[in-house]
Amino acid sequence: MRKRIVIFTITLVGLGLIINLTKDITRLLRAGDRVKLVEEKAQKLAAEQKQLLEKKAYFQSPEFVEEEARNKLNMAKPGETVVILPPNLAQVLGREEKPAAPEIPNWRKWWNLFFQ
């Protein structure tokens, strides 16, 4: 009888240890997954930072300043001529754009399909 109680107690302690170890292992695996997610996020942020630094360098370059001066301020280098095209260029050239056909709602298309 006493031997059964000892075996039962050892079995309960063993099961408790197994359950506790299983919980610890799953917690460690989840922590590893979180570490991987954070590392991936750090890599994405590093790539984004690199792109932003490249954009910053481009926006501070003389080529960008010249391009903006030409496109937005209509400036030109000495000896160049600035040509400004009218906003209705197609109309001036005689190429009228056709107006888009009025959009028919879907319910009307189905109605026409079945009842006409």
PDB file of N, CA and C in Angstrom:
ATOM      1  N   MET A   1       0.823  -1.187   0.000  1.00  0.00           N
ATOM      2  CA  MET A   1       0.000   0.000   0.000  1.00  0.00           C
ATOM      3  C   MET A   1       0.871   1.257   0.000  1.00  0.00           C
ATOM      4  N   ARG A   2       1.874   1.225   0.837  1.00  0.00           N
ATOM      5  CA  ARG A   2       2.762   2.364   0.952  1.00  0.00           C
ATOM      6  C   ARG A   2       3.550   2.537  -0.350  1.00  0.00           C
ATOM      7  N   LYS A   3       3.900   1.418  -0.972  1.00  0.00           N
ATOM      8  CA  LYS A   3       4.635   1.448  -2.231  1.00  0.00           C
ATOM      9  C   LYS A   3       3.781   2.087  -3.336  1.00  0.00           C
ATOM     10  N   ARG A   4       2.477   1.806  -3.347  1.00  0.00           N
ATOM     11  CA  ARG A   4       1.569   2.386  -4.347  1.00  0.00           C
ATOM     12  C   ARG A   4       1.452   3.896  -4.172  1.00  0.00           C
ATOM     13  N   ILE A   5       1.414   4.343  -2.930  1.00  0.00           N
ATOM     14  CA  ILE A   5       1.319   5.785  -2.669  1.00  0.00           C
ATOM     15  C   ILE A   5       2.589   6.478  -3.160  1.00  0.00           C
ATOM     16  N   VAL A   6       3.725   5.889  -2.942  1.00  0.00           N
ATOM     17  CA  VAL A   6       4.994   6.470  -3.385  1.00  0.00           C
ATOM     18  C   VAL A   6       5.033   6.512  -4.915  1.00  0.00           C
ATOM     19  N   ILE A   7       4.640   5.413  -5.550  1.00  0.00           N
ATOM     20  CA  ILE A   7       4.627   5.371  -7.023  1.00  0.00           C
ATOM     21  C   ILE A   7       3.630   6.406  -7.572  1.00  0.00           C
ATOM     22  N   PHE A   8       2.460   6.496  -6.957  1.00  0.00           N
ATOM     23  CA  PHE A   8       1.445   7.464  -7.385  1.00  0.00           C
ATOM     24  C   PHE A   8       1.971   8.889  -7.228  1.00  0.00           C
ATOM     25  N   THR A   9       2.632   9.177  -6.124  1.00  0.00           N
ATOM     26  CA  THR A   9       3.194  10.518  -5.885  1.00  0.00           C
ATOM     27  C   THR A   9       4.282  10.828  -6.900  1.00  0.00           C
ATOM     28  N   ILE A  10       5.158   9.856  -7.156  1.00  0.00           N
ATOM     29  CA  ILE A  10       6.227  10.069  -8.149  1.00  0.00           C
ATOM     30  C   ILE A  10       5.627  10.302  -9.530  1.00  0.00           C
ATOM     31  N   THR A  11       4.576   9.546  -9.862  1.00  0.00           N
ATOM     32  CA  THR A  11       3.910   9.710 -11.156  1.00  0.00           C
ATOM     33  C   THR A  11       3.291  11.102 -11.270  1.00  0.00           C
ATOM     34  N   LEU A  12       2.628  11.570 -10.223  1.00  0.00           N
ATOM     35  CA  LEU A  12       2.022  12.908 -10.254  1.00  0.00           C
ATOM     36  C   LEU A  12       3.085  13.995 -10.383  1.00  0.00           C
ATOM     37  N   VAL A  13       4.178  13.856  -9.640  1.00  0.00           N
ATOM     38  CA  VAL A  13       5.267  14.838  -9.735  1.00  0.00           C
ATOM     39  C   VAL A  13       5.859  14.816 -11.141  1.00  0.00           C
ATOM     40  N   GLY A  14       6.048  13.632 -11.695  1.00  0.00           N
ATOM     41  CA  GLY A  14       6.583  13.501 -13.058  1.00  0.00           C
ATOM     42  C   GLY A  14       5.666  14.140 -14.090  1.00  0.00           C
ATOM     43  N   LEU A  15       4.365  13.893 -13.972  1.00  0.00           N
ATOM     44  CA  LEU A  15       3.412  14.517 -14.902  1.00  0.00           C
ATOM     45  C   LEU A  15       3.422  16.037 -14.760  1.00  0.00           C
ATOM     46  N   GLY A  16       3.515  16.507 -13.517  1.00  0.00           N
ATOM     47  CA  GLY A  16       3.592  17.962 -13.296  1.00  0.00           C
ATOM     48  C   GLY A  16       4.827  18.553 -13.949  1.00  0.00           C
ATOM     49  N   LEU A  17       5.960  17.870 -13.807  1.00  0.00           N
ATOM     50  CA  LEU A  17       7.193  18.348 -14.443  1.00  0.00           C
ATOM     51  C   LEU A  17       7.082  18.339 -15.965  1.00  0.00           C
ATOM     52  N   ILE A  18       6.491  17.291 -16.511  1.00  0.00           N
ATOM     53  CA  ILE A  18       6.320  17.207 -17.971  1.00  0.00           C
ATOM     54  C   ILE A  18       5.435  18.339 -18.470  1.00  0.00           C
ATOM     55  N   ILE A  19       4.334  18.592 -17.787  1.00  0.00           N
ATOM     56  CA  ILE A  19       3.429  19.676 -18.188  1.00  0.00           C
ATOM     57  C   ILE A  19       4.149  21.017 -18.094  1.00  0.00           C
ATOM     58  N   ASN A  20       4.880  21.240 -17.017  1.00  0.00           N
ATOM     59  CA  ASN A  20       5.602  22.491 -16.833  1.00  0.00           C
ATOM     60  C   ASN A  20       6.664  22.680 -17.921  1.00  0.00           C
ATOM     61  N   LEU A  21       7.408  21.626 -18.226  1.00  0.00           N
ATOM     62  CA  LEU A  21       8.420  21.709 -19.281  1.00  0.00           C
ATOM     63  C   LEU A  21       7.785  21.972 -20.646  1.00  0.00           C
ATOM     64  N   THR A  22       6.640  21.363 -20.902  1.00  0.00           N
ATOM     65  CA  THR A  22       5.942  21.585 -22.169  1.00  0.00           C
ATOM     66  C   THR A  22       5.519  23.048 -22.300  1.00  0.00           C
ATOM     67  N   LYS A  23       5.005  23.610 -21.211  1.00  0.00           N
ATOM     68  CA  LYS A  23       4.621  25.025 -21.238  1.00  0.00           C
ATOM     69  C   LYS A  23       5.835  25.914 -21.494  1.00  0.00           C
ATOM     70  N   ASP A  24       6.957  25.602 -20.842  1.00  0.00           N
ATOM     71  CA  ASP A  24       8.170  26.394 -21.043  1.00  0.00           C
ATOM     72  C   ASP A  24       8.680  26.294 -22.476  1.00  0.00           C
ATOM     73  N   ILE A  25       8.620  25.101 -23.035  1.00  0.00           N
ATOM     74  CA  ILE A  25       9.082  24.915 -24.416  1.00  0.00           C
ATOM     75  C   ILE A  25       8.204  25.704 -25.384  1.00  0.00           C
ATOM     76  N   THR A  26       6.884  25.641 -25.223  1.00  0.00           N
ATOM     77  CA  THR A  26       6.004  26.405 -26.126  1.00  0.00           C
ATOM     78  C   THR A  26       6.226  27.901 -25.961  1.00  0.00           C
ATOM     79  N   ARG A  27       6.456  28.353 -24.728  1.00  0.00           N
ATOM     80  CA  ARG A  27       6.724  29.776 -24.500  1.00  0.00           C
ATOM     81  C   ARG A  27       8.015  30.192 -25.200  1.00  0.00           C
ATOM     82  N   LEU A  28       9.050  29.346 -25.142  1.00  0.00           N
ATOM     83  CA  LEU A  28      10.310  29.653 -25.813  1.00  0.00           C
ATOM     84  C   LEU A  28      10.144  29.666 -27.335  1.00  0.00           C
ATOM     85  N   LEU A  29       9.357  28.746 -27.866  1.00  0.00           N
ATOM     86  CA  LEU A  29       9.116  28.735 -29.314  1.00  0.00           C
ATOM     87  C   LEU A  29       8.393  29.990 -29.758  1.00  0.00           C
ATOM     88  N   ARG A  30       7.412  30.423 -28.984  1.00  0.00           N
ATOM     89  CA  ARG A  30       6.695  31.657 -29.312  1.00  0.00           C
ATOM     90  C   ARG A  30       7.628  32.857 -29.241  1.00  0.00           C
ATOM     91  N   ALA A  31       8.507  32.859 -28.261  1.00  0.00           N
ATOM     92  CA  ALA A  31       9.470  33.957 -28.144  1.00  0.00           C
ATOM     93  C   ALA A  31      10.391  33.972 -29.363  1.00  0.00           C
ATOM     94  N   GLY A  32      10.785  32.791 -29.835  1.00  0.00           N
ATOM     95  CA  GLY A  32      11.614  32.718 -31.041  1.00  0.00           C
ATOM     96  C   GLY A  32      10.885  33.262 -32.256  1.00  0.00           C
ATOM     97  N   ASP A  33       9.590  32.964 -32.355  1.00  0.00           N
ATOM     98  CA  ASP A  33       8.799  33.498 -33.469  1.00  0.00           C
ATOM     99  C   ASP A  33       8.724  35.025 -33.394  1.00  0.00           C
ATOM    100  N   ARG A  34       8.545  35.537 -32.182  1.00  0.00           N
ATOM    101  CA  ARG A  34       8.488  36.994 -32.025  1.00  0.00           C
ATOM    102  C   ARG A  34       9.814  37.633 -32.397  1.00  0.00           C
ATOM    103  N   VAL A  35      10.916  36.976 -32.051  1.00  0.00           N
ATOM    104  CA  VAL A  35      12.235  37.495 -32.406  1.00  0.00           C
ATOM    105  C   VAL A  35      12.386  37.538 -33.929  1.00  0.00           C
ATOM    106  N   LYS A  36      11.930  36.497 -34.604  1.00  0.00           N
ATOM    107  CA  LYS A  36      12.004  36.469 -36.070  1.00  0.00           C
ATOM    108  C   LYS A  36      11.188  37.600 -36.675  1.00  0.00           C
ATOM    109  N   LEU A  37       9.986  37.827 -36.137  1.00  0.00           N
ATOM    110  CA  LEU A  37       9.147  38.913 -36.646  1.00  0.00           C
ATOM    111  C   LEU A  37       9.812  40.264 -36.457  1.00  0.00           C
ATOM    112  N   VAL A  38      10.412  40.468 -35.313  1.00  0.00           N
ATOM    113  CA  VAL A  38      11.083  41.739 -35.046  1.00  0.00           C
ATOM    114  C   VAL A  38      12.294  41.900 -35.958  1.00  0.00           C
ATOM    115  N   GLU A  39      13.026  40.825 -36.205  1.00  0.00           N
ATOM    116  CA  GLU A  39      14.173  40.903 -37.114  1.00  0.00           C
ATOM    117  C   GLU A  39      13.721  41.241 -38.531  1.00  0.00           C
ATOM    118  N   GLU A  40      12.629  40.640 -38.995  1.00  0.00           N
ATOM    119  CA  GLU A  40      12.104  40.949 -40.325  1.00  0.00           C
ATOM    120  C   GLU A  40      11.674  42.404 -40.403  1.00  0.00           C
ATOM    121  N   LYS A  41      11.025  42.876 -39.344  1.00  0.00           N
ATOM    122  CA  LYS A  41      10.585  44.276 -39.322  1.00  0.00           C
ATOM    123  C   LYS A  41      11.795  45.203 -39.349  1.00  0.00           C
ATOM    124  N   ALA A  42      12.849  44.836 -38.624  1.00  0.00           N
ATOM    125  CA  ALA A  42      14.067  45.652 -38.614  1.00  0.00           C
ATOM    126  C   ALA A  42      14.704  45.695 -40.002  1.00  0.00           C
ATOM    127  N   GLN A  43      14.679  44.557 -40.714  1.00  0.00           N
ATOM    128  CA  GLN A  43      15.229  44.535 -42.066  1.00  0.00           C
ATOM    129  C   GLN A  43      14.416  45.419 -43.002  1.00  0.00           C
ATOM    130  N   LYS A  44      13.081  45.364 -42.873  1.00  0.00           N
ATOM    131  CA  LYS A  44      12.229  46.208 -43.711  1.00  0.00           C
ATOM    132  C   LYS A  44      12.479  47.680 -43.423  1.00  0.00           C
ATOM    133  N   LEU A  45      12.604  48.011 -42.155  1.00  0.00           N
ATOM    134  CA  LEU A  45      12.858  49.405 -41.796  1.00  0.00           C
ATOM    135  C   LEU A  45      14.226  49.866 -42.287  1.00  0.00           C
ATOM    136  N   ALA A  46      15.221  48.979 -42.253  1.00  0.00           N
ATOM    137  CA  ALA A  46      16.541  49.327 -42.765  1.00  0.00           C
ATOM    138  C   ALA A  46      16.489  49.578 -44.272  1.00  0.00           C
ATOM    139  N   ALA A  47      15.729  48.748 -44.986  1.00  0.00           N
ATOM    140  CA  ALA A  47      15.582  48.949 -46.436  1.00  0.00           C
ATOM    141  C   ALA A  47      14.853  50.260 -46.716  1.00  0.00           C
ATOM    142  N   GLU A  48      13.824  50.544 -45.937  1.00  0.00           N
ATOM    143  CA  GLU A  48      13.092  51.798 -46.119  1.00  0.00           C
ATOM    144  C   GLU A  48      13.994  52.996 -45.819  1.00  0.00           C
ATOM    145  N   GLN A  49      14.811  52.884 -44.786  1.00  0.00           N
ATOM    146  CA  GLN A  49      15.732  53.964 -44.454  1.00  0.00           C
ATOM    147  C   GLN A  49      16.724  54.188 -45.600  1.00  0.00           C
ATOM    148  N   LYS A  50      17.196  53.098 -46.196  1.00  0.00           N
ATOM    149  CA  LYS A  50      18.131  53.218 -47.313  1.00  0.00           C
ATOM    150  C   LYS A  50      17.470  53.948 -48.482  1.00  0.00           C
ATOM    151  N   GLN A  51      16.211  53.584 -48.778  1.00  0.00           N
ATOM    152  CA  GLN A  51      15.497  54.256 -49.871  1.00  0.00           C
ATOM    153  C   GLN A  51      15.302  55.737 -49.568  1.00  0.00           C
ATOM    154  N   LEU A  52      14.956  56.050 -48.328  1.00  0.00           N
ATOM    155  CA  LEU A  52      14.753  57.441 -47.963  1.00  0.00           C
ATOM    156  C   LEU A  52      16.050  58.248 -48.052  1.00  0.00           C
ATOM    157  N   LEU A  53      17.154  57.630 -47.667  1.00  0.00           N
ATOM    158  CA  LEU A  53      18.440  58.320 -47.785  1.00  0.00           C
ATOM    159  C   LEU A  53      18.801  58.569 -49.249  1.00  0.00           C
ATOM    160  N   GLU A  54      18.469  57.594 -50.125  1.00  0.00           N
ATOM    161  CA  GLU A  54      18.722  57.781 -51.555  1.00  0.00           C
ATOM    162  C   GLU A  54      17.863  58.915 -52.108  1.00  0.00           C
ATOM    163  N   LYS A  55      16.591  58.957 -51.684  1.00  0.00           N
ATOM    164  CA  LYS A  55      15.718  60.049 -52.122  1.00  0.00           C
ATOM    165  C   LYS A  55      16.239  61.391 -51.634  1.00  0.00           C
ATOM    166  N   LYS A  56      16.691  61.430 -50.387  1.00  0.00           N
ATOM    167  CA  LYS A  56      17.218  62.664 -49.821  1.00  0.00           C
ATOM    168  C   LYS A  56      18.412  63.141 -50.627  1.00  0.00           C
ATOM    169  N   ALA A  57      19.309  62.215 -50.953  1.00  0.00           N
ATOM    170  CA  ALA A  57      20.494  62.572 -51.742  1.00  0.00           C
ATOM    171  C   ALA A  57      20.079  63.087 -53.118  1.00  0.00           C
ATOM    172  N   TYR A  58      19.066  62.470 -53.730  1.00  0.00           N
ATOM    173  CA  TYR A  58      18.607  62.922 -55.042  1.00  0.00           C
ATOM    174  C   TYR A  58      17.980  64.313 -54.952  1.00  0.00           C
ATOM    175  N   PHE A  59      17.164  64.523 -53.923  1.00  0.00           N
ATOM    176  CA  PHE A  59      16.496  65.820 -53.790  1.00  0.00           C
ATOM    177  C   PHE A  59      17.478  66.943 -53.472  1.00  0.00           C
ATOM    178  N   GLN A  60      18.640  66.615 -52.940  1.00  0.00           N
ATOM    179  CA  GLN A  60      19.647  67.628 -52.652  1.00  0.00           C
ATOM    180  C   GLN A  60      20.639  67.796 -53.800  1.00  0.00           C
ATOM    181  N   SER A  61      20.480  67.022 -54.866  1.00  0.00           N
ATOM    182  CA  SER A  61      21.436  67.072 -55.969  1.00  0.00           C
ATOM    183  C   SER A  61      21.130  68.256 -56.896  1.00  0.00           C
ATOM    184  N   PRO A  62      22.145  68.742 -57.602  1.00  0.00           N
ATOM    185  CA  PRO A  62      21.932  69.843 -58.559  1.00  0.00           C
ATOM    186  C   PRO A  62      21.027  69.435 -59.726  1.00  0.00           C
ATOM    187  N   GLU A  63      21.034  68.151 -60.091  1.00  0.00           N
ATOM    188  CA  GLU A  63      20.174  67.701 -61.186  1.00  0.00           C
ATOM    189  C   GLU A  63      18.698  67.896 -60.831  1.00  0.00           C
ATOM    190  N   PHE A  64      18.338  67.579 -59.601  1.00  0.00           N
ATOM    191  CA  PHE A  64      16.953  67.748 -59.175  1.00  0.00           C
ATOM    192  C   PHE A  64      16.566  69.222 -59.169  1.00  0.00           C
ATOM    193  N   VAL A  65      17.466  70.056 -58.679  1.00  0.00           N
ATOM    194  CA  VAL A  65      17.175  71.491 -58.630  1.00  0.00           C
ATOM    195  C   VAL A  65      16.972  72.023 -60.052  1.00  0.00           C
ATOM    196  N   GLU A  66      17.820  71.596 -60.969  1.00  0.00           N
ATOM    197  CA  GLU A  66      17.676  72.049 -62.356  1.00  0.00           C
ATOM    198  C   GLU A  66      16.368  71.549 -62.968  1.00  0.00           C
ATOM    199  N   GLU A  67      16.043  70.279 -62.726  1.00  0.00           N
ATOM    200  CA  GLU A  67      14.802  69.712 -63.266  1.00  0.00           C
ATOM    201  C   GLU A  67      13.574  70.451 -62.737  1.00  0.00           C
ATOM    202  N   GLU A  68      13.554  70.733 -61.450  1.00  0.00           N
ATOM    203  CA  GLU A  68      12.423  71.456 -60.864  1.00  0.00           C
ATOM    204  C   GLU A  68      12.344  72.872 -61.411  1.00  0.00           C
ATOM    205  N   ALA A  69      13.490  73.531 -61.592  1.00  0.00           N
ATOM    206  CA  ALA A  69      13.492  74.889 -62.142  1.00  0.00           C
ATOM    207  C   ALA A  69      12.945  74.886 -63.564  1.00  0.00           C
ATOM    208  N   ARG A  70      13.300  73.873 -64.340  1.00  0.00           N
ATOM    209  CA  ARG A  70      12.804  73.810 -65.719  1.00  0.00           C
ATOM    210  C   ARG A  70      11.313  73.474 -65.773  1.00  0.00           C
ATOM    211  N   ASN A  71      10.888  72.471 -64.980  1.00  0.00           N
ATOM    212  CA  ASN A  71       9.510  71.988 -65.091  1.00  0.00           C
ATOM    213  C   ASN A  71       8.499  72.861 -64.377  1.00  0.00           C
ATOM    214  N   LYS A  72       8.819  73.347 -63.204  1.00  0.00           N
ATOM    215  CA  LYS A  72       7.827  74.058 -62.411  1.00  0.00           C
ATOM    216  C   LYS A  72       7.945  75.574 -62.496  1.00  0.00           C
ATOM    217  N   LEU A  73       9.144  76.066 -62.738  1.00  0.00           N
ATOM    218  CA  LEU A  73       9.337  77.518 -62.781  1.00  0.00           C
ATOM    219  C   LEU A  73       9.527  78.037 -64.201  1.00  0.00           C
ATOM    220  N   ASN A  74       9.487  77.139 -65.187  1.00  0.00           N
ATOM    221  CA  ASN A  74       9.652  77.502 -66.600  1.00  0.00           C
ATOM    222  C   ASN A  74      10.929  78.302 -66.841  1.00  0.00           C
ATOM    223  N   MET A  75      11.978  77.912 -66.169  1.00  0.00           N
ATOM    224  CA  MET A  75      13.264  78.575 -66.356  1.00  0.00           C
ATOM    225  C   MET A  75      14.060  77.810 -67.406  1.00  0.00           C
ATOM    226  N   ALA A  76      15.041  78.485 -68.002  1.00  0.00           N
ATOM    227  CA  ALA A  76      15.868  77.863 -69.031  1.00  0.00           C
ATOM    228  C   ALA A  76      17.302  78.343 -68.878  1.00  0.00           C
ATOM    229  N   LYS A  77      18.203  77.577 -69.456  1.00  0.00           N
ATOM    230  CA  LYS A  77      19.603  77.986 -69.482  1.00  0.00           C
ATOM    231  C   LYS A  77      19.756  79.096 -70.513  1.00  0.00           C
ATOM    232  N   PRO A  78      20.812  79.858 -70.421  1.00  0.00           N
ATOM    233  CA  PRO A  78      21.037  80.907 -71.427  1.00  0.00           C
ATOM    234  C   PRO A  78      21.139  80.299 -72.823  1.00  0.00           C
ATOM    235  N   GLY A  79      20.416  80.888 -73.772  1.00  0.00           N
ATOM    236  CA  GLY A  79      20.413  80.405 -75.151  1.00  0.00           C
ATOM    237  C   GLY A  79      19.282  79.436 -75.455  1.00  0.00           C
ATOM    238  N   GLU A  80      18.569  78.960 -74.451  1.00  0.00           N
ATOM    239  CA  GLU A  80      17.442  78.055 -74.672  1.00  0.00           C
ATOM    240  C   GLU A  80      16.148  78.857 -74.737  1.00  0.00           C
ATOM    241  N   THR A  81      15.144  78.283 -75.399  1.00  0.00           N
ATOM    242  CA  THR A  81      13.840  78.919 -75.502  1.00  0.00           C
ATOM    243  C   THR A  81      12.821  78.052 -74.781  1.00  0.00           C
ATOM    244  N   VAL A  82      11.991  78.694 -73.977  1.00  0.00           N
ATOM    245  CA  VAL A  82      10.946  77.981 -73.254  1.00  0.00           C
ATOM    246  C   VAL A  82       9.698  77.957 -74.124  1.00  0.00           C
ATOM    247  N   VAL A  83       9.149  76.776 -74.342  1.00  0.00           N
ATOM    248  CA  VAL A  83       7.933  76.612 -75.123  1.00  0.00           C
ATOM    249  C   VAL A  83       6.830  76.161 -74.175  1.00  0.00           C
ATOM    250  N   ILE A  84       5.742  76.927 -74.149  1.00  0.00           N
ATOM    251  CA  ILE A  84       4.604  76.581 -73.299  1.00  0.00           C
ATOM    252  C   ILE A  84       3.459  76.165 -74.208  1.00  0.00           C
ATOM    253  N   LEU A  85       3.008  74.933 -74.044  1.00  0.00           N
ATOM    254  CA  LEU A  85       1.925  74.402 -74.857  1.00  0.00           C
ATOM    255  C   LEU A  85       0.591  74.731 -74.219  1.00  0.00           C
ATOM    256  N   PRO A  86      -0.434  74.977 -75.049  1.00  0.00           N
ATOM    257  CA  PRO A  86      -1.753  75.283 -74.486  1.00  0.00           C
ATOM    258  C   PRO A  86      -2.347  74.044 -73.823  1.00  0.00           C
ATOM    259  N   PRO A  87      -3.198  74.246 -72.820  1.00  0.00           N
ATOM    260  CA  PRO A  87      -3.785  73.097 -72.129  1.00  0.00           C
ATOM    261  C   PRO A  87      -4.736  72.293 -73.013  1.00  0.00           C
ATOM    262  N   ASN A  88      -5.333  72.933 -74.014  1.00  0.00           N
ATOM    263  CA  ASN A  88      -6.253  72.234 -74.911  1.00  0.00           C
ATOM    264  C   ASN A  88      -5.549  71.924 -76.228  1.00  0.00           C
ATOM    265  N   LEU A  89      -4.420  71.279 -76.157  1.00  0.00           N
ATOM    266  CA  LEU A  89      -3.589  70.997 -77.331  1.00  0.00           C
ATOM    267  C   LEU A  89      -4.312  70.122 -78.343  1.00  0.00           C
ATOM    268  N   ALA A  90      -5.043  69.122 -77.893  1.00  0.00           N
ATOM    269  CA  ALA A  90      -5.758  68.236 -78.818  1.00  0.00           C
ATOM    270  C   ALA A  90      -6.807  69.021 -79.608  1.00  0.00           C
ATOM    271  N   GLN A  91      -7.450  69.952 -78.970  1.00  0.00           N
ATOM    272  CA  GLN A  91      -8.474  70.755 -79.649  1.00  0.00           C
ATOM    273  C   GLN A  91      -7.818  71.690 -80.667  1.00  0.00           C
ATOM    274  N   VAL A  92      -6.681  72.255 -80.314  1.00  0.00           N
ATOM    275  CA  VAL A  92      -5.973  73.157 -81.217  1.00  0.00           C
ATOM    276  C   VAL A  92      -5.474  72.397 -82.441  1.00  0.00           C
ATOM    277  N   LEU A  93      -5.025  71.195 -82.268  1.00  0.00           N
ATOM    278  CA  LEU A  93      -4.529  70.390 -83.385  1.00  0.00           C
ATOM    279  C   LEU A  93      -5.646  69.751 -84.190  1.00  0.00           C
ATOM    280  N   GLY A  94      -6.875  69.862 -83.740  1.00  0.00           N
ATOM    281  CA  GLY A  94      -8.004  69.304 -84.458  1.00  0.00           C
ATOM    282  C   GLY A  94      -8.293  67.861 -84.109  1.00  0.00           C
ATOM    283  N   ARG A  95      -7.740  67.376 -83.062  1.00  0.00           N
ATOM    284  CA  ARG A  95      -7.985  66.003 -82.635  1.00  0.00           C
ATOM    285  C   ARG A  95      -8.897  66.031 -81.420  1.00  0.00           C
ATOM    286  N   GLU A  96     -10.146  66.178 -81.664  1.00  0.00           N
ATOM    287  CA  GLU A  96     -11.122  66.193 -80.570  1.00  0.00           C
ATOM    288  C   GLU A  96     -11.215  64.811 -79.949  1.00  0.00           C
ATOM    289  N   GLU A  97     -11.191  64.769 -78.657  1.00  0.00           N
ATOM    290  CA  GLU A  97     -11.382  63.502 -77.976  1.00  0.00           C
ATOM    291  C   GLU A  97     -12.873  63.238 -77.865  1.00  0.00           C
ATOM    292  N   LYS A  98     -13.247  61.994 -78.116  1.00  0.00           N
ATOM    293  CA  LYS A  98     -14.651  61.635 -78.016  1.00  0.00           C
ATOM    294  C   LYS A  98     -15.058  61.580 -76.556  1.00  0.00           C
ATOM    295  N   PRO A  99     -16.210  62.136 -76.240  1.00  0.00           N
ATOM    296  CA  PRO A  99     -16.656  62.037 -74.852  1.00  0.00           C
ATOM    297  C   PRO A  99     -16.981  60.583 -74.518  1.00  0.00           C
ATOM    298  N   ALA A 100     -16.728  60.206 -73.311  1.00  0.00           N
ATOM    299  CA  ALA A 100     -16.966  58.835 -72.880  1.00  0.00           C
ATOM    300  C   ALA A 100     -18.463  58.545 -72.870  1.00  0.00           C
ATOM    301  N   ALA A 101     -18.812  57.330 -73.246  1.00  0.00           N
ATOM    302  CA  ALA A 101     -20.214  56.928 -73.243  1.00  0.00           C
ATOM    303  C   ALA A 101     -20.722  56.920 -71.800  1.00  0.00           C
ATOM    304  N   PRO A 102     -21.975  57.325 -71.615  1.00  0.00           N
ATOM    305  CA  PRO A 102     -22.499  57.331 -70.246  1.00  0.00           C
ATOM    306  C   PRO A 102     -22.499  55.911 -69.675  1.00  0.00           C
ATOM    307  N   GLU A 103     -22.106  55.797 -68.450  1.00  0.00           N
ATOM    308  CA  GLU A 103     -22.020  54.501 -67.780  1.00  0.00           C
ATOM    309  C   GLU A 103     -23.411  54.042 -67.377  1.00  0.00           C
ATOM    310  N   ILE A 104     -23.751  52.823 -67.784  1.00  0.00           N
ATOM    311  CA  ILE A 104     -25.058  52.255 -67.445  1.00  0.00           C
ATOM    312  C   ILE A 104     -24.892  51.438 -66.175  1.00  0.00           C
ATOM    313  N   PRO A 105     -25.764  51.646 -65.196  1.00  0.00           N
ATOM    314  CA  PRO A 105     -25.641  50.854 -63.961  1.00  0.00           C
ATOM    315  C   PRO A 105     -25.845  49.369 -64.242  1.00  0.00           C
ATOM    316  N   ASN A 106     -25.259  48.539 -63.396  1.00  0.00           N
ATOM    317  CA  ASN A 106     -25.325  47.094 -63.581  1.00  0.00           C
ATOM    318  C   ASN A 106     -26.756  46.561 -63.582  1.00  0.00           C
ATOM    319  N   TRP A 107     -27.582  47.086 -62.695  1.00  0.00           N
ATOM    320  CA  TRP A 107     -28.954  46.587 -62.640  1.00  0.00           C
ATOM    321  C   TRP A 107     -29.665  46.830 -63.962  1.00  0.00           C
ATOM    322  N   ARG A 108     -29.325  47.955 -64.635  1.00  0.00           N
ATOM    323  CA  ARG A 108     -29.962  48.267 -65.915  1.00  0.00           C
ATOM    324  C   ARG A 108     -29.462  47.308 -67.007  1.00  0.00           C
ATOM    325  N   LYS A 109     -28.182  46.958 -66.939  1.00  0.00           N
ATOM    326  CA  LYS A 109     -27.636  46.007 -67.917  1.00  0.00           C
ATOM    327  C   LYS A 109     -28.332  44.657 -67.796  1.00  0.00           C
ATOM    328  N   TRP A 110     -28.539  44.185 -66.561  1.00  0.00           N
ATOM    329  CA  TRP A 110     -29.240  42.925 -66.357  1.00  0.00           C
ATOM    330  C   TRP A 110     -30.683  43.024 -66.844  1.00  0.00           C
ATOM    331  N   TRP A 111     -31.337  44.123 -66.560  1.00  0.00           N
ATOM    332  CA  TRP A 111     -32.716  44.335 -67.000  1.00  0.00           C
ATOM    333  C   TRP A 111     -32.792  44.241 -68.519  1.00  0.00           C
ATOM    334  N   ASN A 112     -31.871  44.922 -69.198  1.00  0.00           N
ATOM    335  CA  ASN A 112     -31.845  44.890 -70.646  1.00  0.00           C
ATOM    336  C   ASN A 112     -31.557  43.485 -71.182  1.00  0.00           C
ATOM    337  N   LEU A 113     -30.723  42.741 -70.488  1.00  0.00           N
ATOM    338  CA  LEU A 113     -30.385  41.403 -70.914  1.00  0.00           C
ATOM    339  C   LEU A 113     -31.585  40.468 -70.871  1.00  0.00           C
ATOM    340  N   PHE A 114     -32.366  40.522 -69.794  1.00  0.00           N
ATOM    341  CA  PHE A 114     -33.465  39.582 -69.622  1.00  0.00           C
ATOM    342  C   PHE A 114     -34.786  40.043 -70.222  1.00  0.00           C
ATOM    343  N   PHE A 115     -35.018  41.332 -70.279  1.00  0.00           N
ATOM    344  CA  PHE A 115     -36.352  41.808 -70.655  1.00  0.00           C
ATOM    345  C   PHE A 115     -36.379  42.574 -71.976  1.00  0.00           C
ATOM    346  N   GLN A 116     -35.316  42.606 -72.718  1.00  0.00           N
ATOM    347  CA  GLN A 116     -35.358  43.297 -74.010  1.00  0.00           C
ATOM    348  C   GLN A 116     -34.744  42.461 -75.097  1.00  0.00           C
TER     349      GLN A 116
END
